[in-house]
């Protein structure tokens, strides 16, 4: 229970941080944190024992929690793909279809399963039934494949990391993906062994399972946070470079820049772009020449704009 509380606290704090950091931006990763958080919180033993009887006392909270985890894993894959520029319509459609299919499979398996009364060890108590194996394996394979795909996407984007924080975040997500894939194999073997009656294998793999499950959560959560922090840091650095370029160009614009009467804007990159255009227009209209220093200043400003 203590481990579940620690994971829940990490996810709650992470969700708050992400919603603050991603203000005015796409919040897919923040939503992922919320879904993971709901999954972990509903599996805290005292809360589960209180909550499940409210829903009938036959472990409905378990299937709700697992559906939330599937949704969270789907948004994780899509959010990371968007964060590293690897998102595409085909990937979005594949995630939606796969998530829907797995959701239908686990809900159906749960419905036909001979369910025990409220228990915090659902698969240990019900795992001897074939329907329970289908229930667990379907979601486990989806989670493992999704986390593995997230890790592969991150590996392919390592060279495009814009900062050291980005790079560390990508590697942490890769580790989380590896944990997810290994966990998938472990859980599938445990489920099959349980159905076949070989509980010694299930017990032998319980320790790796207990390490891999929170490990995957911690690494994935940390990687998401690092990606968002890295993007935020890079944006702030680019914004400072643009502001410095605007200040550096101000004397040159005052001497040579034409007034194109652009509408006011608060966007630094737009202001810098307009300054560069007006200086170039002024140089052409007055047929003036720039000194080497002024050309260097203008070139640095254009470079700052390209980065922005």
Foldseek 3Di string as FASTA:
>chain_A
DVLLVVLLVLLVVLLVVQCVLQPVHDRLLSLLSVLLNLLSVCLPVVNVVVPCVVVPQQCPSVLVSLLSNLVSLLSLLQVLCVLLVNDDPVSNVVSVVLSVVLNVLLVVLSVPFPTDGRDSPGCVVRLLDPSSLSNVLSSLVSSLVSLLSLLVSLVVRLVVQPDPLLNVLSVLSNVLSVLSNVLSVLSNVLSVCSNVPNCVSVVVSVVSNVCSPSSSSVSSSSSSSSSSVSVSVLVVVLLVLLVVLCVLCVVLCVVFFDCPPDDDDPDSLVVLVNSLVRNVVRCVVVVHDDDPVNVVSSVSNVVSSVSD
